[in-house]
Amino acid sequence: MSGSKPVLTKDTINPHVKNMEYAVRGPIVLKAANIEEELKKGVEKPFTEVVRANIGDCHATGQVPLTFLRQVLALATYPELMNGSTFPADVKDRVKRLLGGCKGGSIGSYSASPGVEVVRGDIAQFIQERDGQKCDADNIFLSTGASAGIKTILELLNAPGEGGKKPGVMIPIPQYPLYSATLTEFNMHQINYYLNEENHWSLDTSELQRALDAARECCHPKAICVINPGNPTGQVLSKENIQSIIKFAHKEGLFILADEVYQHNVYDPSKQFHSFKKVLSEMGPAYASQQLASFMSTSKGYMGECGLRGGYFEVVNLDSDTMNLLKKCLTVSLCPPVTGQVAMDCVVNPPKPGEPSYDLHTKEKKAVLDGLKAKAELVSQTFNAIEGISCNAVQGAMYCFPKVDIPPRAVQHAKSQNMTPDSFYCFELLEKTGLCVVPGSGFGQREGTHHFRTTILPQIEKFHQVMEKFTKFHKEFLAEWK
């Protein structure tokens, strides 16, 4: 009988879901999990633990949560704790204000779909102070991490062009796999533009034009995504570079998605973070109509609160009808987690000078960022000292994307195993050292080149050990396959 057949199988599932790939949690991560289980069972390995440098999960690698943020969360979750003397007065005042903006005075209630009004106001004030430009809280929308906000904007852009052509979105190569996976899921066309590895992963407008012109025959280009500071490449865009991107988008009629979740993570003293919104606002009336969405998260920066899923996005130059449709889209999900919204408020409205929590919060923030800066310098210096590896300086973010010259014999062997050469290299690294990094093919790379992405998150003592293990492995790998 037909009714006895299962409706949902691998053959009947949405084909776009089957085609999705998300490298940072791909096959090598599954292999790492299997190895961890084997270690627990006492299986002998040439190492005692798996070091997961595959994903930017700060607390999983030993980063200590910020005291102020966690105290606010504790009191917001269990307000009865305010009756004691354990928590500072500014934490209690903050929680009372936040709970006053929640229905029933509880973070267990739904918020409005765009987010808690108090938090949206604090975000607007943060942006205003950061950019020196007015920010309207009505243009701020809380989200379940930055990822949900990015997917929301891409969903709104997912409408066919003339002749039924797929909408196209320009993304950097190398890229963060959220973009390629979402475009595949939404059946949108991915337009690759390549960053210039020979010039510190810079972005050239001539390359943007090449990519766009080549894509017009098969899609209707609608948007360009920019990640600044870069993931996985660690570059920080100059103000002039951002201006050129805005001019290009304006000339070609493209919406800009500015992924700015690493805005606190700039290590190169010659660089600084410039928001796309600020640069756009300074470019004058000729660009006053340019549409833009920018994204921020609690998961990165110095906070590293990945599991709380806090994020927001700001939209610029959307008309009232479009804003209403955006709000309608958000109502389907009811609201993002209120715990994440509380965490985001702590990021945009930290303790002020003179408040009881200020000194400790400042000390903890500085310690995290100083540690990341030290590891950013160490990783590029170490890789560049190894034969067959080259690596641009990590100017910002939390990752390094070194290029590996894989010997031809190893390349051929990988192909015979139906593996990309960089995947073979990364699996060998995992199985012989316990270090889990992600093949560059999962992020995209120029044909004929091989890379991998590693985080710079393991704590400094372990990070030195990681780099020593890697150096030893690479030398042995070359000796085996040359």
Protein backbone atom coordinates (compact mmCIF):
# COMPACT_ATOMS: atom_id res chain seq x y z
CA MET A 1 0.00 0.00 0.00
CA SER A 2 1.25 3.47 -0.82
CA GLY A 3 0.41 4.69 2.67
CA SER A 4 3.04 2.40 4.18
CA LYS A 5 5.94 4.10 2.40
CA PRO A 6 7.85 6.71 4.38
CA VAL A 7 7.26 10.22 3.08
CA LEU A 8 10.59 11.72 4.10
CA THR A 9 13.75 9.93 2.96
CA LYS A 10 17.11 10.96 1.51
CA ASP A 11 15.57 10.54 -1.95
CA THR A 12 12.51 12.70 -1.25
CA ILE A 13 14.03 15.40 0.93
CA ASN A 14 14.42 18.95 -0.39
CA PRO A 15 17.32 18.67 -2.87
CA HIS A 16 18.66 22.08 -1.86
CA VAL A 17 19.09 20.80 1.71
CA LYS A 18 20.96 17.75 0.39
CA ASN A 19 23.31 20.01 -1.55
CA MET A 20 24.11 22.25 1.45
CA GLU A 21 27.60 22.03 2.91
CA TYR A 22 28.89 23.61 6.12
CA ALA A 23 32.60 22.93 6.33
CA VAL A 24 33.26 24.03 9.92
CA ARG A 25 31.04 21.15 11.07
CA GLY A 26 31.72 18.83 8.15
CA PRO A 27 33.29 15.34 7.82
CA ILE A 28 36.53 16.19 9.59
CA VAL A 29 34.61 17.31 12.66
CA LEU A 30 32.66 14.05 12.69
CA LYS A 31 35.98 12.21 12.52
CA ALA A 32 37.28 14.29 15.44
CA ALA A 33 34.22 13.31 17.49
CA ASN A 34 34.81 9.63 16.71
CA ILE A 35 38.43 9.92 17.81
CA GLU A 36 37.33 11.58 21.08
CA GLU A 37 35.03 8.62 21.75
CA GLU A 38 37.88 6.21 21.04
CA LEU A 39 40.14 8.07 23.47
CA LYS A 40 37.46 7.79 26.18
CA LYS A 41 37.37 4.04 25.61
CA GLY A 42 41.13 3.78 26.05
CA VAL A 43 42.08 3.30 22.40
CA GLU A 44 45.76 4.19 22.05
CA LYS A 45 46.60 7.21 19.92
CA PRO A 46 49.79 9.23 19.43
CA PHE A 47 48.05 12.01 21.42
CA THR A 48 45.83 12.27 24.49
CA GLU A 49 43.22 14.79 23.34
CA VAL A 50 41.63 16.36 20.28
CA VAL A 51 42.25 20.09 19.99
CA ARG A 52 39.31 21.60 18.14
CA ALA A 53 40.61 24.53 16.15
CA ASN A 54 37.87 24.09 13.56
CA ILE A 55 35.31 26.58 14.84
CA GLY A 56 35.29 29.92 16.62
CA ASP A 57 33.87 28.56 19.87
CA CYS A 58 35.76 30.65 22.40
CA HIS A 59 34.57 29.18 25.70
CA ALA A 60 35.00 25.60 24.44
CA THR A 61 38.73 26.31 24.12
CA GLY A 62 39.09 27.67 27.63
CA GLN A 63 38.16 31.35 27.48
CA VAL A 64 36.67 32.39 30.83
CA PRO A 65 33.26 34.10 30.70
CA LEU A 66 33.14 37.80 31.54
CA THR A 67 32.07 38.37 35.13
CA PHE A 68 29.76 41.33 34.48
CA LEU A 69 27.89 39.66 31.63
CA ARG A 70 27.36 36.44 33.56
CA GLN A 71 26.28 38.28 36.71
CA VAL A 72 23.65 40.17 34.74
CA LEU A 73 22.45 36.91 33.19
CA ALA A 74 22.34 35.21 36.60
CA LEU A 75 20.19 37.93 38.16
CA ALA A 76 17.98 38.25 35.10
CA THR A 77 17.37 34.51 35.20
CA TYR A 78 16.83 34.33 38.98
CA PRO A 79 15.91 37.81 40.28
CA GLU A 80 15.65 36.58 43.87
CA LEU A 81 19.47 36.75 43.95
CA MET A 82 19.17 40.54 44.06
CA ASN A 83 18.12 40.32 47.70
CA GLY A 84 21.64 39.42 48.82
CA SER A 85 24.90 41.39 48.86
CA THR A 86 26.87 39.13 46.48
CA PHE A 87 26.29 41.18 43.34
CA PRO A 88 27.44 44.76 42.68
CA ALA A 89 24.90 47.57 42.67
CA ASP A 90 25.38 48.40 38.98
CA VAL A 91 24.58 44.81 38.03
CA LYS A 92 21.36 44.96 40.04
CA ASP A 93 20.40 48.29 38.50
CA ARG A 94 21.05 46.95 35.02
CA VAL A 95 18.91 43.88 35.61
CA LYS A 96 16.02 45.90 37.05
CA ARG A 97 16.05 48.09 33.95
CA LEU A 98 16.14 45.11 31.59
CA LEU A 99 13.44 43.18 33.41
CA GLY A 100 11.34 46.32 33.38
CA GLY A 101 11.37 46.03 29.59
CA CYS A 102 10.23 42.39 29.65
CA LYS A 103 6.59 41.37 29.83
CA GLY A 104 5.75 40.22 33.32
CA GLY A 105 9.23 41.30 34.44
CA SER A 106 10.63 37.97 33.24
CA ILE A 107 13.09 36.95 30.53
CA GLY A 108 10.95 33.84 30.18
CA SER A 109 8.30 35.86 28.34
CA TYR A 110 8.29 36.52 24.60
CA SER A 111 9.74 39.84 23.56
CA ALA A 112 8.46 41.85 20.62
CA SER A 113 9.65 40.21 17.38
CA PRO A 114 12.29 42.93 16.70
CA GLY A 115 13.55 42.54 20.26
CA VAL A 116 13.25 44.08 23.73
CA GLU A 117 12.76 47.83 23.26
CA VAL A 118 15.28 48.75 25.98
CA VAL A 119 17.95 46.63 24.32
CA ARG A 120 17.24 48.06 20.87
CA GLY A 121 17.65 51.53 22.33
CA ASP A 122 20.99 50.62 23.90
CA ILE A 123 22.22 49.17 20.60
CA ALA A 124 21.24 52.36 18.80
CA GLN A 125 23.19 54.40 21.38
CA PHE A 126 26.22 52.10 20.96
CA ILE A 127 26.18 52.55 17.18
CA GLN A 128 25.74 56.29 17.56
CA GLU A 129 28.76 56.55 19.87
CA ARG A 130 30.85 54.22 17.66
CA ASP A 131 30.12 56.03 14.40
CA GLY A 132 29.38 59.57 15.51
CA GLN A 133 26.19 59.36 13.46
CA LYS A 134 22.55 59.26 14.51
CA CYS A 135 21.02 55.78 14.79
CA ASP A 136 17.29 55.05 14.93
CA ALA A 137 16.35 52.15 17.22
CA ASP A 138 13.47 51.31 14.85
CA ASN A 139 16.12 50.13 12.36
CA ILE A 140 17.61 47.66 14.88
CA PHE A 141 16.47 44.04 14.99
CA LEU A 142 17.69 41.47 17.51
CA SER A 143 18.44 38.04 16.09
CA THR A 144 19.44 34.52 17.10
CA GLY A 145 23.13 35.18 16.53
CA ALA A 146 24.23 37.13 13.49
CA SER A 147 23.53 34.05 11.36
CA ALA A 148 19.75 34.34 11.71
CA GLY A 149 19.87 38.01 10.75
CA ILE A 150 21.95 37.25 7.65
CA LYS A 151 19.52 34.52 6.61
CA THR A 152 16.58 36.88 7.13
CA ILE A 153 18.03 39.50 4.77
CA LEU A 154 18.95 36.87 2.17
CA GLU A 155 15.41 35.51 2.40
CA LEU A 156 14.03 38.96 1.60
CA LEU A 157 16.39 39.24 -1.37
CA ASN A 158 15.31 35.85 -2.72
CA ALA A 159 13.09 36.98 -5.60
CA PRO A 160 13.71 36.22 -9.30
CA GLY A 161 14.77 38.92 -11.73
CA GLU A 162 13.77 39.55 -15.33
CA GLY A 163 13.01 36.39 -17.27
CA GLY A 164 12.82 34.41 -14.04
CA LYS A 165 16.58 34.49 -13.47
CA LYS A 166 17.75 33.38 -10.03
CA PRO A 167 18.77 36.18 -7.68
CA GLY A 168 22.55 36.31 -7.36
CA VAL A 169 24.62 37.26 -4.33
CA MET A 170 28.32 38.14 -4.45
CA ILE A 171 30.38 36.52 -1.70
CA PRO A 172 34.12 36.65 -0.99
CA ILE A 173 36.30 33.64 -1.68
CA PRO A 174 37.52 32.44 0.78
CA GLN A 175 34.19 32.85 2.59
CA TYR A 176 32.40 31.83 5.76
CA PRO A 177 30.36 28.72 4.75
CA LEU A 178 27.13 30.18 6.21
CA TYR A 179 26.83 32.18 2.99
CA SER A 180 27.32 29.35 0.50
CA ALA A 181 25.12 27.01 2.55
CA THR A 182 22.29 29.53 2.81
CA LEU A 183 22.42 30.43 -0.88
CA THR A 184 22.22 26.73 -1.71
CA GLU A 185 19.32 26.23 0.71
CA PHE A 186 17.44 29.18 -0.81
CA ASN A 187 18.32 28.13 -4.39
CA MET A 188 20.02 31.46 -5.03
CA HIS A 189 23.04 31.92 -7.30
CA GLN A 190 26.46 32.27 -5.67
CA ILE A 191 28.72 34.83 -7.35
CA ASN A 192 32.31 34.29 -6.24
CA TYR A 193 34.72 37.18 -6.05
CA TYR A 194 38.29 36.31 -5.06
CA LEU A 195 40.27 38.11 -2.40
CA ASN A 196 43.89 38.88 -3.30
CA GLU A 197 46.07 36.61 -1.18
CA GLU A 198 49.27 38.18 -2.53
CA ASN A 199 48.16 41.55 -1.12
CA HIS A 200 47.03 40.57 2.40
CA TRP A 201 43.66 39.23 1.20
CA SER A 202 42.66 42.66 -0.09
CA LEU A 203 39.55 43.28 -2.16
CA ASP A 204 40.01 44.71 -5.66
CA THR A 205 37.08 46.40 -7.41
CA SER A 206 38.36 45.11 -10.77
CA GLU A 207 37.79 41.59 -9.43
CA LEU A 208 34.31 42.58 -8.27
CA GLN A 209 33.52 43.82 -11.77
CA ARG A 210 34.89 40.66 -13.38
CA ALA A 211 32.80 38.42 -11.14
CA LEU A 212 29.63 40.46 -11.63
CA ASP A 213 29.93 40.69 -15.41
CA ALA A 214 30.54 36.94 -15.68
CA ALA A 215 27.45 36.17 -13.59
CA ARG A 216 24.90 38.36 -15.37
CA GLU A 217 24.10 35.73 -18.02
CA CYS A 218 22.91 33.18 -15.47
CA CYS A 219 21.44 35.27 -12.64
CA HIS A 220 20.09 38.62 -11.55
CA PRO A 221 22.75 40.07 -9.18
CA LYS A 222 21.09 41.65 -6.16
CA ALA A 223 23.60 41.91 -3.32
CA ILE A 224 27.20 41.80 -2.21
CA CYS A 225 28.42 40.32 1.10
CA VAL A 226 31.55 41.66 2.78
CA ILE A 227 33.12 40.19 5.93
CA ASN A 228 35.19 42.74 7.86
CA PRO A 229 37.37 41.84 9.70
CA GLY A 230 37.70 38.78 7.50
CA ASN A 231 36.72 35.18 8.19
CA PRO A 232 38.66 32.99 7.44
CA THR A 233 41.34 35.36 6.16
CA GLY A 234 41.89 37.77 9.08
CA GLN A 235 42.28 40.96 7.04
CA VAL A 236 40.90 44.38 8.08
CA LEU A 237 39.57 46.61 5.32
CA SER A 238 40.80 50.16 5.02
CA LYS A 239 38.36 53.07 4.86
CA GLU A 240 39.34 53.60 1.22
CA ASN A 241 38.61 49.97 0.40
CA ILE A 242 35.15 50.24 1.96
CA GLN A 243 34.47 53.41 0.01
CA SER A 244 35.34 51.64 -3.24
CA ILE A 245 33.01 48.76 -2.37
CA ILE A 246 30.16 51.17 -1.63
CA LYS A 247 30.77 53.00 -4.92
CA PHE A 248 30.73 49.68 -6.78
CA ALA A 249 27.52 48.51 -5.10
CA HIS A 250 25.83 51.85 -5.75
CA LYS A 251 26.87 51.86 -9.42
CA GLU A 252 25.65 48.31 -9.96
CA GLY A 253 22.47 48.58 -7.88
CA LEU A 254 23.48 46.03 -5.23
CA PHE A 255 22.31 45.70 -1.63
CA ILE A 256 25.26 45.50 0.83
CA LEU A 257 25.44 42.88 3.60
CA ALA A 258 28.21 43.94 6.00
CA ASP A 259 29.24 41.12 8.33
CA GLU A 260 30.93 43.03 11.17
CA VAL A 261 30.84 40.49 13.99
CA TYR A 262 34.62 40.77 14.56
CA GLN A 263 34.63 44.55 14.95
CA HIS A 264 36.29 44.30 18.39
CA ASN A 265 38.99 41.96 17.04
CA VAL A 266 41.64 44.18 15.44
CA TYR A 267 45.25 43.38 16.39
CA ASP A 268 47.38 45.23 13.83
CA PRO A 269 48.13 48.69 15.32
CA SER A 270 48.18 50.18 11.82
CA LYS A 271 44.59 49.07 11.22
CA GLN A 272 41.25 50.08 12.69
CA PHE A 273 37.66 48.98 12.23
CA HIS A 274 35.46 51.20 10.06
CA SER A 275 31.77 50.36 9.92
CA PHE A 276 30.14 50.37 6.50
CA LYS A 277 27.36 52.56 7.87
CA LYS A 278 29.76 55.25 9.06
CA VAL A 279 31.73 55.28 5.81
CA LEU A 280 28.50 55.39 3.80
CA SER A 281 27.15 58.31 5.84
CA GLU A 282 30.36 60.26 5.22
CA MET A 283 30.23 59.83 1.44
CA GLY A 284 27.59 62.50 0.96
CA PRO A 285 24.20 62.81 -0.75
CA ALA A 286 25.29 61.01 -3.94
CA TYR A 287 25.16 57.75 -1.97
CA ALA A 288 22.31 58.62 0.39
CA SER A 289 20.00 55.99 -1.13
CA GLN A 290 22.40 53.03 -0.84
CA GLN A 291 20.76 50.16 1.03
CA LEU A 292 22.72 48.28 3.65
CA ALA A 293 22.37 45.76 6.46
CA SER A 294 25.12 45.27 9.04
CA PHE A 295 25.41 42.41 11.52
CA MET A 296 26.82 41.94 15.02
CA SER A 297 27.00 39.03 17.49
CA THR A 298 27.76 38.12 21.10
CA SER A 299 29.65 35.05 19.89
CA LYS A 300 32.89 36.77 18.87
CA GLY A 301 34.80 39.88 19.99
CA TYR A 302 36.04 39.52 23.55
CA MET A 303 32.75 38.01 24.76
CA GLY A 304 32.78 34.62 23.04
CA GLU A 305 29.24 33.82 24.19
CA CYS A 306 28.44 31.50 21.27
CA GLY A 307 25.85 29.36 23.03
CA LEU A 308 23.68 32.28 24.10
CA ARG A 309 22.88 33.04 20.44
CA GLY A 310 22.75 36.79 20.77
CA GLY A 311 22.93 39.05 17.74
CA TYR A 312 21.45 42.02 15.95
CA PHE A 313 21.30 43.66 12.56
CA GLU A 314 20.72 47.24 11.49
CA VAL A 315 19.10 48.15 8.18
CA VAL A 316 19.72 51.39 6.32
CA ASN A 317 17.50 53.05 3.70
CA LEU A 318 14.58 50.61 3.67
CA ASP A 319 11.24 52.28 2.94
CA SER A 320 8.24 51.85 5.25
CA ASP A 321 6.54 49.17 3.12
CA THR A 322 9.71 47.07 3.03
CA MET A 323 10.22 47.54 6.77
CA ASN A 324 6.71 46.27 7.42
CA LEU A 325 7.40 43.16 5.34
CA LEU A 326 10.66 42.60 7.23
CA LYS A 327 8.79 42.83 10.52
CA LYS A 328 6.16 40.40 9.22
CA CYS A 329 8.92 37.95 8.31
CA LEU A 330 10.32 38.15 11.84
CA THR A 331 6.97 37.53 13.53
CA VAL A 332 6.93 33.95 12.20
CA SER A 333 9.77 33.12 14.60
CA LEU A 334 8.08 35.08 17.42
CA CYS A 335 11.33 36.44 18.91
CA PRO A 336 15.03 35.67 19.36
CA PRO A 337 16.12 34.23 22.75
CA VAL A 338 15.75 36.89 25.42
CA THR A 339 18.83 35.57 27.23
CA GLY A 340 20.82 36.36 24.10
CA GLN A 341 19.26 39.83 24.00
CA VAL A 342 20.33 40.43 27.60
CA ALA A 343 23.87 39.34 26.73
CA MET A 344 23.92 41.70 23.75
CA ASP A 345 22.88 44.55 25.98
CA CYS A 346 25.92 43.89 28.17
CA VAL A 347 28.12 44.16 25.05
CA VAL A 348 26.70 47.44 23.78
CA ASN A 349 26.18 48.96 27.23
CA PRO A 350 29.14 47.81 29.37
CA PRO A 351 30.00 49.19 32.82
CA LYS A 352 30.90 52.89 32.81
CA PRO A 353 33.85 54.54 34.60
CA GLY A 354 33.04 54.95 38.28
CA GLU A 355 30.61 52.02 38.40
CA PRO A 356 31.53 49.08 40.68
CA SER A 357 31.99 46.59 37.80
CA TYR A 358 34.04 48.85 35.53
CA ASP A 359 37.61 48.02 36.62
CA LEU A 360 37.19 44.23 36.58
CA HIS A 361 35.28 44.29 33.28
CA THR A 362 37.97 46.43 31.63
CA LYS A 363 40.71 44.14 32.96
CA GLU A 364 38.98 40.99 31.70
CA LYS A 365 38.24 42.48 28.27
CA LYS A 366 41.85 43.62 27.85
CA ALA A 367 43.19 40.21 28.89
CA VAL A 368 41.12 38.43 26.22
CA LEU A 369 42.04 40.82 23.42
CA ASP A 370 45.74 40.95 24.42
CA GLY A 371 45.83 37.15 24.40
CA LEU A 372 44.27 36.97 20.94
CA LYS A 373 46.73 39.55 19.65
CA ALA A 374 49.69 37.56 20.96
CA LYS A 375 48.41 34.37 19.33
CA ALA A 376 47.69 36.21 16.06
CA GLU A 377 51.36 37.24 15.92
CA LEU A 378 52.61 33.79 16.96
CA VAL A 379 50.58 31.85 14.38
CA SER A 380 51.69 33.82 11.33
CA GLN A 381 55.34 33.90 12.47
CA THR A 382 55.35 30.14 13.08
CA PHE A 383 53.68 29.18 9.81
CA ASN A 384 55.92 31.46 7.76
CA ALA A 385 59.00 29.83 9.28
CA ILE A 386 57.94 26.36 8.02
CA GLU A 387 58.98 25.09 4.60
CA GLY A 388 56.04 24.88 2.19
CA ILE A 389 53.69 27.11 4.25
CA SER A 390 52.91 30.77 3.70
CA CYS A 391 50.58 32.87 5.78
CA ASN A 392 49.41 36.47 5.72
CA ALA A 393 49.50 38.40 8.98
CA VAL A 394 46.36 37.98 11.07
CA GLN A 395 45.24 41.60 11.30
CA GLY A 396 41.92 40.81 12.96
CA ALA A 397 39.13 38.27 13.65
CA MET A 398 39.99 34.85 15.14
CA TYR A 399 41.40 32.77 12.30
CA CYS A 400 44.40 32.06 10.13
CA PHE A 401 44.19 30.74 6.56
CA PRO A 402 47.67 29.54 5.57
CA LYS A 403 48.55 28.21 2.13
CA VAL A 404 50.15 24.76 2.00
CA ASP A 405 52.33 23.50 -0.84
CA ILE A 406 51.26 19.86 -0.93
CA PRO A 407 53.71 17.55 -2.77
CA PRO A 408 52.44 16.17 -6.10
CA ARG A 409 52.55 12.56 -4.82
CA ALA A 410 50.22 13.49 -1.96
CA VAL A 411 47.93 15.37 -4.36
CA GLN A 412 47.64 12.32 -6.60
CA HIS A 413 47.09 10.00 -3.64
CA ALA A 414 44.31 12.26 -2.33
CA LYS A 415 42.58 12.24 -5.71
CA SER A 416 42.81 8.46 -5.85
CA GLN A 417 40.92 8.41 -2.54
CA ASN A 418 38.26 10.83 -3.90
CA MET A 419 39.48 13.52 -1.52
CA THR A 420 40.63 17.05 -2.13
CA PRO A 421 44.36 17.41 -1.36
CA ASP A 422 43.72 19.83 1.51
CA SER A 423 41.16 17.44 3.03
CA PHE A 424 43.70 14.62 2.90
CA TYR A 425 46.26 16.86 4.58
CA CYS A 426 43.83 17.90 7.34
CA PHE A 427 42.70 14.32 8.02
CA GLU A 428 46.34 13.24 8.29
CA LEU A 429 46.97 16.11 10.71
CA LEU A 430 44.00 15.08 12.84
CA GLU A 431 44.83 11.38 12.93
CA LYS A 432 48.51 11.90 13.78
CA THR A 433 48.36 14.88 16.16
CA GLY A 434 44.75 15.32 17.33
CA LEU A 435 44.61 18.81 15.81
CA CYS A 436 41.29 19.49 14.08
CA VAL A 437 41.40 22.23 11.43
CA VAL A 438 39.16 22.77 8.38
CA PRO A 439 40.24 22.20 4.75
CA GLY A 440 40.41 25.35 2.69
CA SER A 441 38.17 23.81 0.03
CA GLY A 442 35.28 24.24 2.48
CA PHE A 443 35.73 28.02 2.31
CA GLY A 444 36.67 28.30 -1.35
CA GLN A 445 40.11 29.00 -2.81
CA ARG A 446 41.72 29.64 -6.17
CA GLU A 447 42.13 26.59 -8.38
CA GLY A 448 45.43 24.81 -7.74
CA THR A 449 45.98 26.26 -4.25
CA HIS A 450 45.55 24.44 -0.93
CA HIS A 451 44.77 25.99 2.45
CA PHE A 452 43.30 25.23 5.83
CA ARG A 453 41.62 27.38 8.44
CA THR A 454 42.62 27.26 12.06
CA THR A 455 41.34 29.35 14.92
CA ILE A 456 43.69 31.22 17.25
CA LEU A 457 41.49 30.43 20.25
CA PRO A 458 43.28 27.72 22.31
CA GLN A 459 44.75 29.23 25.46
CA ILE A 460 48.29 30.52 25.05
CA GLU A 461 50.08 27.63 26.84
CA LYS A 462 48.24 25.04 24.74
CA PHE A 463 48.62 27.19 21.63
CA HIS A 464 52.41 26.93 21.84
CA GLN A 465 52.04 23.14 22.05
CA VAL A 466 49.65 23.17 19.08
CA MET A 467 52.14 25.05 16.91
CA GLU A 468 54.97 22.72 17.95
CA LYS A 469 52.86 19.67 17.05
CA PHE A 470 51.93 21.17 13.72
CA THR A 471 55.53 22.00 12.82
CA LYS A 472 56.64 18.43 13.57
CA PHE A 473 53.74 16.94 11.60
CA HIS A 474 54.34 19.08 8.52
CA LYS A 475 58.03 18.22 8.34
CA GLU A 476 57.18 14.50 8.58
CA PHE A 477 54.42 14.89 5.98
CA LEU A 478 56.83 16.46 3.51
CA ALA A 479 59.43 13.77 4.16
CA GLU A 480 56.85 11.03 3.51
CA TRP A 481 55.33 12.46 0.33
CA LYS A 482 58.14 14.31 -1.44
